[in-house]
Amino acid sequence: PGVTSFPSEANFILVRVPDAARLFEGLLRRGVLVKNLHGSHPLLEQCLRLTIGTVEENERLLSALVAALAEQ
């Protein structure tokens, strides 16, 4: 809930979240590094860039994302 993803044909997905800074920190604490784009351009407010990796990396990202969102 609260996460909007944008269509992509690249090896990453752009998502808008309720609080990019808090979610970025929550993912980092769980050992998952993403790119925080919030503040880089007005169209990217509250956005994170999630890179597509291996199946294992993607599963780790999704688990960390669910846990970090639950904190917010």
PDB file of N, CA and C in Angstrom:
ATOM      1  N   PRO A   1       0.820  -1.215   0.000  1.00  0.00           N
ATOM      2  CA  PRO A   1       0.000   0.000   0.000  1.00  0.00           C
ATOM      3  C   PRO A   1       0.856   1.268   0.000  1.00  0.00           C
ATOM      4  N   GLY A   2       0.459   2.233  -0.794  1.00  0.00           N
ATOM      5  CA  GLY A   2       1.191   3.494  -0.835  1.00  0.00           C
ATOM      6  C   GLY A   2       2.376   3.505  -1.777  1.00  0.00           C
ATOM      7  N   VAL A   3       2.633   2.395  -2.460  1.00  0.00           N
ATOM      8  CA  VAL A   3       3.764   2.316  -3.391  1.00  0.00           C
ATOM      9  C   VAL A   3       3.215   2.316  -4.810  1.00  0.00           C
ATOM     10  N   THR A   4       3.723   3.242  -5.616  1.00  0.00           N
ATOM     11  CA  THR A   4       3.339   3.321  -7.022  1.00  0.00           C
ATOM     12  C   THR A   4       4.561   3.003  -7.865  1.00  0.00           C
ATOM     13  N   SER A   5       4.442   2.008  -8.752  1.00  0.00           N
ATOM     14  CA  SER A   5       5.554   1.696  -9.653  1.00  0.00           C
ATOM     15  C   SER A   5       5.234   2.246 -11.037  1.00  0.00           C
ATOM     16  N   PHE A   6       6.284   2.561 -11.759  1.00  0.00           N
ATOM     17  CA  PHE A   6       6.144   3.112 -13.104  1.00  0.00           C
ATOM     18  C   PHE A   6       6.666   2.102 -14.114  1.00  0.00           C
ATOM     19  N   PRO A   7       6.051   2.022 -15.290  1.00  0.00           N
ATOM     20  CA  PRO A   7       6.506   1.076 -16.312  1.00  0.00           C
ATOM     21  C   PRO A   7       7.984   1.285 -16.643  1.00  0.00           C
ATOM     22  N   SER A   8       8.669   0.181 -16.916  1.00  0.00           N
ATOM     23  CA  SER A   8      10.095   0.257 -17.213  1.00  0.00           C
ATOM     24  C   SER A   8      10.480  -0.802 -18.226  1.00  0.00           C
ATOM     25  N   GLU A   9      11.408  -0.444 -19.082  1.00  0.00           N
ATOM     26  CA  GLU A   9      12.001  -1.406 -20.013  1.00  0.00           C
ATOM     27  C   GLU A   9      13.494  -1.513 -19.740  1.00  0.00           C
ATOM     28  N   ALA A  10      13.907  -1.060 -18.577  1.00  0.00           N
ATOM     29  CA  ALA A  10      15.318  -1.077 -18.188  1.00  0.00           C
ATOM     30  C   ALA A  10      15.519  -2.114 -17.080  1.00  0.00           C
ATOM     31  N   ASN A  11      16.713  -2.137 -16.503  1.00  0.00           N
ATOM     32  CA  ASN A  11      17.002  -3.089 -15.432  1.00  0.00           C
ATOM     33  C   ASN A  11      16.719  -2.496 -14.050  1.00  0.00           C
ATOM     34  N   PHE A  12      15.808  -1.540 -14.015  1.00  0.00           N
ATOM     35  CA  PHE A  12      15.389  -0.970 -12.738  1.00  0.00           C
ATOM     36  C   PHE A  12      13.925  -0.582 -12.808  1.00  0.00           C
ATOM     37  N   ILE A  13      13.339  -0.409 -11.615  1.00  0.00           N
ATOM     38  CA  ILE A  13      11.947   0.026 -11.503  1.00  0.00           C
ATOM     39  C   ILE A  13      11.928   1.290 -10.653  1.00  0.00           C
ATOM     40  N   LEU A  14      11.234   2.289 -11.113  1.00  0.00           N
ATOM     41  CA  LEU A  14      11.052   3.524 -10.365  1.00  0.00           C
ATOM     42  C   LEU A  14       9.775   3.392  -9.552  1.00  0.00           C
ATOM     43  N   VAL A  15       9.872   3.667  -8.246  1.00  0.00           N
ATOM     44  CA  VAL A  15       8.694   3.609  -7.388  1.00  0.00           C
ATOM     45  C   VAL A  15       8.563   4.900  -6.594  1.00  0.00           C
ATOM     46  N   ARG A  16       7.327   5.333  -6.413  1.00  0.00           N
ATOM     47  CA  ARG A  16       7.031   6.467  -5.530  1.00  0.00           C
ATOM     48  C   ARG A  16       6.443   5.878  -4.257  1.00  0.00           C
ATOM     49  N   VAL A  17       6.970   6.342  -3.124  1.00  0.00           N
ATOM     50  CA  VAL A  17       6.593   5.812  -1.812  1.00  0.00           C
ATOM     51  C   VAL A  17       6.181   6.966  -0.912  1.00  0.00           C
ATOM     52  N   PRO A  18       5.535   6.680   0.208  1.00  0.00           N
ATOM     53  CA  PRO A  18       5.098   7.759   1.099  1.00  0.00           C
ATOM     54  C   PRO A  18       6.261   8.596   1.670  1.00  0.00           C
ATOM     55  N   ASP A  19       7.376   7.948   2.019  1.00  0.00           N
ATOM     56  CA  ASP A  19       8.512   8.662   2.619  1.00  0.00           C
ATOM     57  C   ASP A  19       9.800   7.999   2.131  1.00  0.00           C
ATOM     58  N   ALA A  20      10.366   8.544   1.056  1.00  0.00           N
ATOM     59  CA  ALA A  20      11.536   7.933   0.422  1.00  0.00           C
ATOM     60  C   ALA A  20      12.730   7.858   1.366  1.00  0.00           C
ATOM     61  N   ALA A  21      12.970   8.889   2.157  1.00  0.00           N
ATOM     62  CA  ALA A  21      14.134   8.899   3.048  1.00  0.00           C
ATOM     63  C   ALA A  21      14.033   7.798   4.105  1.00  0.00           C
ATOM     64  N   ARG A  22      12.865   7.668   4.725  1.00  0.00           N
ATOM     65  CA  ARG A  22      12.685   6.630   5.760  1.00  0.00           C
ATOM     66  C   ARG A  22      12.760   5.232   5.165  1.00  0.00           C
ATOM     67  N   LEU A  23      12.159   5.036   4.002  1.00  0.00           N
ATOM     68  CA  LEU A  23      12.198   3.723   3.369  1.00  0.00           C
ATOM     69  C   LEU A  23      13.622   3.385   2.933  1.00  0.00           C
ATOM     70  N   PHE A  24      14.341   4.354   2.395  1.00  0.00           N
ATOM     71  CA  PHE A  24      15.743   4.159   2.017  1.00  0.00           C
ATOM     72  C   PHE A  24      16.550   3.682   3.221  1.00  0.00           C
ATOM     73  N   GLU A  25      16.391   4.363   4.358  1.00  0.00           N
ATOM     74  CA  GLU A  25      17.118   3.987   5.578  1.00  0.00           C
ATOM     75  C   GLU A  25      16.696   2.609   6.078  1.00  0.00           C
ATOM     76  N   GLY A  26      15.412   2.300   6.008  1.00  0.00           N
ATOM     77  CA  GLY A  26      14.923   0.998   6.426  1.00  0.00           C
ATOM     78  C   GLY A  26      15.487  -0.129   5.575  1.00  0.00           C
ATOM     79  N   LEU A  27      15.598   0.100   4.281  1.00  0.00           N
ATOM     80  CA  LEU A  27      16.185  -0.899   3.391  1.00  0.00           C
ATOM     81  C   LEU A  27      17.680  -1.035   3.664  1.00  0.00           C
ATOM     82  N   LEU A  28      18.350   0.087   3.863  1.00  0.00           N
ATOM     83  CA  LEU A  28      19.783   0.066   4.140  1.00  0.00           C
ATOM     84  C   LEU A  28      20.089  -0.717   5.417  1.00  0.00           C
ATOM     85  N   ARG A  29      19.281  -0.533   6.447  1.00  0.00           N
ATOM     86  CA  ARG A  29      19.474  -1.287   7.698  1.00  0.00           C
ATOM     87  C   ARG A  29      19.327  -2.791   7.476  1.00  0.00           C
ATOM     88  N   ARG A  30      18.599  -3.169   6.451  1.00  0.00           N
ATOM     89  CA  ARG A  30      18.395  -4.579   6.139  1.00  0.00           C
ATOM     90  C   ARG A  30      19.374  -5.083   5.085  1.00  0.00           C
ATOM     91  N   GLY A  31      20.376  -4.276   4.773  1.00  0.00           N
ATOM     92  CA  GLY A  31      21.412  -4.687   3.833  1.00  0.00           C
ATOM     93  C   GLY A  31      21.042  -4.566   2.373  1.00  0.00           C
ATOM     94  N   VAL A  32      20.030  -3.753   2.075  1.00  0.00           N
ATOM     95  CA  VAL A  32      19.595  -3.565   0.689  1.00  0.00           C
ATOM     96  C   VAL A  32      19.832  -2.110   0.306  1.00  0.00           C
ATOM     97  N   LEU A  33      20.627  -1.910  -0.737  1.00  0.00           N
ATOM     98  CA  LEU A  33      20.941  -0.558  -1.194  1.00  0.00           C
ATOM     99  C   LEU A  33      20.148  -0.258  -2.463  1.00  0.00           C
ATOM    100  N   VAL A  34      19.411   0.844  -2.426  1.00  0.00           N
ATOM    101  CA  VAL A  34      18.671   1.342  -3.590  1.00  0.00           C
ATOM    102  C   VAL A  34      19.085   2.783  -3.813  1.00  0.00           C
ATOM    103  N   LYS A  35      18.632   3.382  -4.879  1.00  0.00           N
ATOM    104  CA  LYS A  35      18.965   4.782  -5.149  1.00  0.00           C
ATOM    105  C   LYS A  35      17.791   5.658  -4.727  1.00  0.00           C
ATOM    106  N   ASN A  36      18.083   6.607  -3.843  1.00  0.00           N
ATOM    107  CA  ASN A  36      17.076   7.568  -3.405  1.00  0.00           C
ATOM    108  C   ASN A  36      17.122   8.761  -4.359  1.00  0.00           C
ATOM    109  N   LEU A  37      16.079   8.957  -5.134  1.00  0.00           N
ATOM    110  CA  LEU A  37      16.026  10.044  -6.118  1.00  0.00           C
ATOM    111  C   LEU A  37      15.293  11.269  -5.597  1.00  0.00           C
ATOM    112  N   HIS A  38      14.735  11.175  -4.397  1.00  0.00           N
ATOM    113  CA  HIS A  38      14.004  12.297  -3.802  1.00  0.00           C
ATOM    114  C   HIS A  38      14.931  13.509  -3.702  1.00  0.00           C
ATOM    115  N   GLY A  39      14.471  14.637  -4.186  1.00  0.00           N
ATOM    116  CA  GLY A  39      15.252  15.869  -4.135  1.00  0.00           C
ATOM    117  C   GLY A  39      16.114  16.116  -5.359  1.00  0.00           C
ATOM    118  N   SER A  40      16.212  15.135  -6.255  1.00  0.00           N
ATOM    119  CA  SER A  40      17.053  15.327  -7.438  1.00  0.00           C
ATOM    120  C   SER A  40      16.325  16.058  -8.564  1.00  0.00           C
ATOM    121  N   HIS A  41      14.997  15.988  -8.567  1.00  0.00           N
ATOM    122  CA  HIS A  41      14.173  16.657  -9.584  1.00  0.00           C
ATOM    123  C   HIS A  41      12.738  16.669  -9.061  1.00  0.00           C
ATOM    124  N   PRO A  42      11.986  17.726  -9.314  1.00  0.00           N
ATOM    125  CA  PRO A  42      10.606  17.791  -8.810  1.00  0.00           C
ATOM    126  C   PRO A  42       9.730  16.612  -9.230  1.00  0.00           C
ATOM    127  N   LEU A  43       9.958  16.050 -10.413  1.00  0.00           N
ATOM    128  CA  LEU A  43       9.151  14.912 -10.864  1.00  0.00           C
ATOM    129  C   LEU A  43       9.508  13.613 -10.138  1.00  0.00           C
ATOM    130  N   LEU A  44      10.615  13.624  -9.402  1.00  0.00           N
ATOM    131  CA  LEU A  44      11.065  12.413  -8.705  1.00  0.00           C
ATOM    132  C   LEU A  44      10.879  12.508  -7.196  1.00  0.00           C
ATOM    133  N   GLU A  45       9.998  13.404  -6.745  1.00  0.00           N
ATOM    134  CA  GLU A  45       9.737  13.540  -5.316  1.00  0.00           C
ATOM    135  C   GLU A  45       9.248  12.208  -4.746  1.00  0.00           C
ATOM    136  N   GLN A  46       9.834  11.801  -3.627  1.00  0.00           N
ATOM    137  CA  GLN A  46       9.489  10.559  -2.909  1.00  0.00           C
ATOM    138  C   GLN A  46       9.685   9.305  -3.768  1.00  0.00           C
ATOM    139  N   CYS A  47      10.665   9.341  -4.674  1.00  0.00           N
ATOM    140  CA  CYS A  47      10.926   8.193  -5.541  1.00  0.00           C
ATOM    141  C   CYS A  47      12.225   7.485  -5.187  1.00  0.00           C
ATOM    142  N   LEU A  48      12.203   6.166  -5.343  1.00  0.00           N
ATOM    143  CA  LEU A  48      13.377   5.313  -5.217  1.00  0.00           C
ATOM    144  C   LEU A  48      13.532   4.536  -6.516  1.00  0.00           C
ATOM    145  N   ARG A  49      14.787   4.215  -6.853  1.00  0.00           N
ATOM    146  CA  ARG A  49      15.057   3.374  -8.018  1.00  0.00           C
ATOM    147  C   ARG A  49      15.528   2.022  -7.522  1.00  0.00           C
ATOM    148  N   LEU A  50      14.802   0.978  -7.886  1.00  0.00           N
ATOM    149  CA  LEU A  50      15.103  -0.385  -7.467  1.00  0.00           C
ATOM    150  C   LEU A  50      15.712  -1.125  -8.656  1.00  0.00           C
ATOM    151  N   THR A  51      16.944  -1.580  -8.508  1.00  0.00           N
ATOM    152  CA  THR A  51      17.608  -2.297  -9.587  1.00  0.00           C
ATOM    153  C   THR A  51      17.196  -3.764  -9.570  1.00  0.00           C
ATOM    154  N   ILE A  52      16.963  -4.302 -10.745  1.00  0.00           N
ATOM    155  CA  ILE A  52      16.610  -5.711 -10.890  1.00  0.00           C
ATOM    156  C   ILE A  52      17.900  -6.518 -10.848  1.00  0.00           C
ATOM    157  N   GLY A  53      17.907  -7.551 -10.005  1.00  0.00           N
ATOM    158  CA  GLY A  53      19.100  -8.388  -9.872  1.00  0.00           C
ATOM    159  C   GLY A  53      18.766  -9.844 -10.113  1.00  0.00           C
ATOM    160  N   THR A  54      19.468 -10.705  -9.387  1.00  0.00           N
ATOM    161  CA  THR A  54      19.207 -12.139  -9.480  1.00  0.00           C
ATOM    162  C   THR A  54      17.902 -12.455  -8.754  1.00  0.00           C
ATOM    163  N   VAL A  55      17.434 -13.660  -8.915  1.00  0.00           N
ATOM    164  CA  VAL A  55      16.207 -14.076  -8.227  1.00  0.00           C
ATOM    165  C   VAL A  55      16.384 -13.906  -6.716  1.00  0.00           C
ATOM    166  N   GLU A  56      17.523 -14.336  -6.194  1.00  0.00           N
ATOM    167  CA  GLU A  56      17.779 -14.238  -4.758  1.00  0.00           C
ATOM    168  C   GLU A  56      17.821 -12.776  -4.302  1.00  0.00           C
ATOM    169  N   GLU A  57      18.479 -11.913  -5.079  1.00  0.00           N
ATOM    170  CA  GLU A  57      18.549 -10.491  -4.738  1.00  0.00           C
ATOM    171  C   GLU A  57      17.168  -9.850  -4.768  1.00  0.00           C
ATOM    172  N   ASN A  58      16.365 -10.212  -5.751  1.00  0.00           N
ATOM    173  CA  ASN A  58      15.011  -9.662  -5.861  1.00  0.00           C
ATOM    174  C   ASN A  58      14.138 -10.108  -4.692  1.00  0.00           C
ATOM    175  N   GLU A  59      14.278 -11.371  -4.295  1.00  0.00           N
ATOM    176  CA  GLU A  59      13.519 -11.862  -3.145  1.00  0.00           C
ATOM    177  C   GLU A  59      13.937 -11.137  -1.869  1.00  0.00           C
ATOM    178  N   ARG A  60      15.242 -10.908  -1.715  1.00  0.00           N
ATOM    179  CA  ARG A  60      15.741 -10.176  -0.546  1.00  0.00           C
ATOM    180  C   ARG A  60      15.203  -8.742  -0.538  1.00  0.00           C
ATOM    181  N   LEU A  61      15.207  -8.095  -1.702  1.00  0.00           N
ATOM    182  CA  LEU A  61      14.672  -6.739  -1.818  1.00  0.00           C
ATOM    183  C   LEU A  61      13.196  -6.709  -1.435  1.00  0.00           C
ATOM    184  N   LEU A  62      12.410  -7.633  -1.959  1.00  0.00           N
ATOM    185  CA  LEU A  62      10.975  -7.636  -1.667  1.00  0.00           C
ATOM    186  C   LEU A  62      10.702  -7.874  -0.185  1.00  0.00           C
ATOM    187  N   SER A  63      11.433  -8.789   0.438  1.00  0.00           N
ATOM    188  CA  SER A  63      11.259  -9.039   1.869  1.00  0.00           C
ATOM    189  C   SER A  63      11.617  -7.799   2.684  1.00  0.00           C
ATOM    190  N   ALA A  64      12.745  -7.170   2.334  1.00  0.00           N
ATOM    191  CA  ALA A  64      13.171  -5.967   3.039  1.00  0.00           C
ATOM    192  C   ALA A  64      12.188  -4.820   2.815  1.00  0.00           C
ATOM    193  N   LEU A  65      11.652  -4.713   1.620  1.00  0.00           N
ATOM    194  CA  LEU A  65      10.696  -3.667   1.279  1.00  0.00           C
ATOM    195  C   LEU A  65       9.424  -3.820   2.112  1.00  0.00           C
ATOM    196  N   VAL A  66       8.907  -5.026   2.206  1.00  0.00           N
ATOM    197  CA  VAL A  66       7.694  -5.274   3.010  1.00  0.00           C
ATOM    198  C   VAL A  66       7.953  -4.916   4.472  1.00  0.00           C
ATOM    199  N   ALA A  67       9.094  -5.343   5.003  1.00  0.00           N
ATOM    200  CA  ALA A  67       9.422  -5.070   6.408  1.00  0.00           C
ATOM    201  C   ALA A  67       9.618  -3.574   6.646  1.00  0.00           C
ATOM    202  N   ALA A  68      10.332  -2.901   5.767  1.00  0.00           N
ATOM    203  CA  ALA A  68      10.585  -1.467   5.938  1.00  0.00           C
ATOM    204  C   ALA A  68       9.297  -0.660   5.799  1.00  0.00           C
ATOM    205  N   LEU A  69       8.423  -1.049   4.886  1.00  0.00           N
ATOM    206  CA  LEU A  69       7.133  -0.342   4.744  1.00  0.00           C
ATOM    207  C   LEU A  69       6.267  -0.531   5.979  1.00  0.00           C
ATOM    208  N   ALA A  70       6.360  -1.676   6.614  1.00  0.00           N
ATOM    209  CA  ALA A  70       5.574  -1.943   7.820  1.00  0.00           C
ATOM    210  C   ALA A  70       5.985  -1.026   8.967  1.00  0.00           C
ATOM    211  N   GLU A  71       7.215  -0.534   8.945  1.00  0.00           N
ATOM    212  CA  GLU A  71       7.709   0.395   9.974  1.00  0.00           C
ATOM    213  C   GLU A  71       7.106   1.795   9.830  1.00  0.00           C
ATOM    214  N   GLN A  72       6.674   2.131   8.632  1.00  0.00           N
ATOM    215  CA  GLN A  72       6.219   3.501   8.372  1.00  0.00           C
ATOM    216  C   GLN A  72       4.843   3.713   8.834  1.00  0.00           C
TER     217      GLN A  72
END
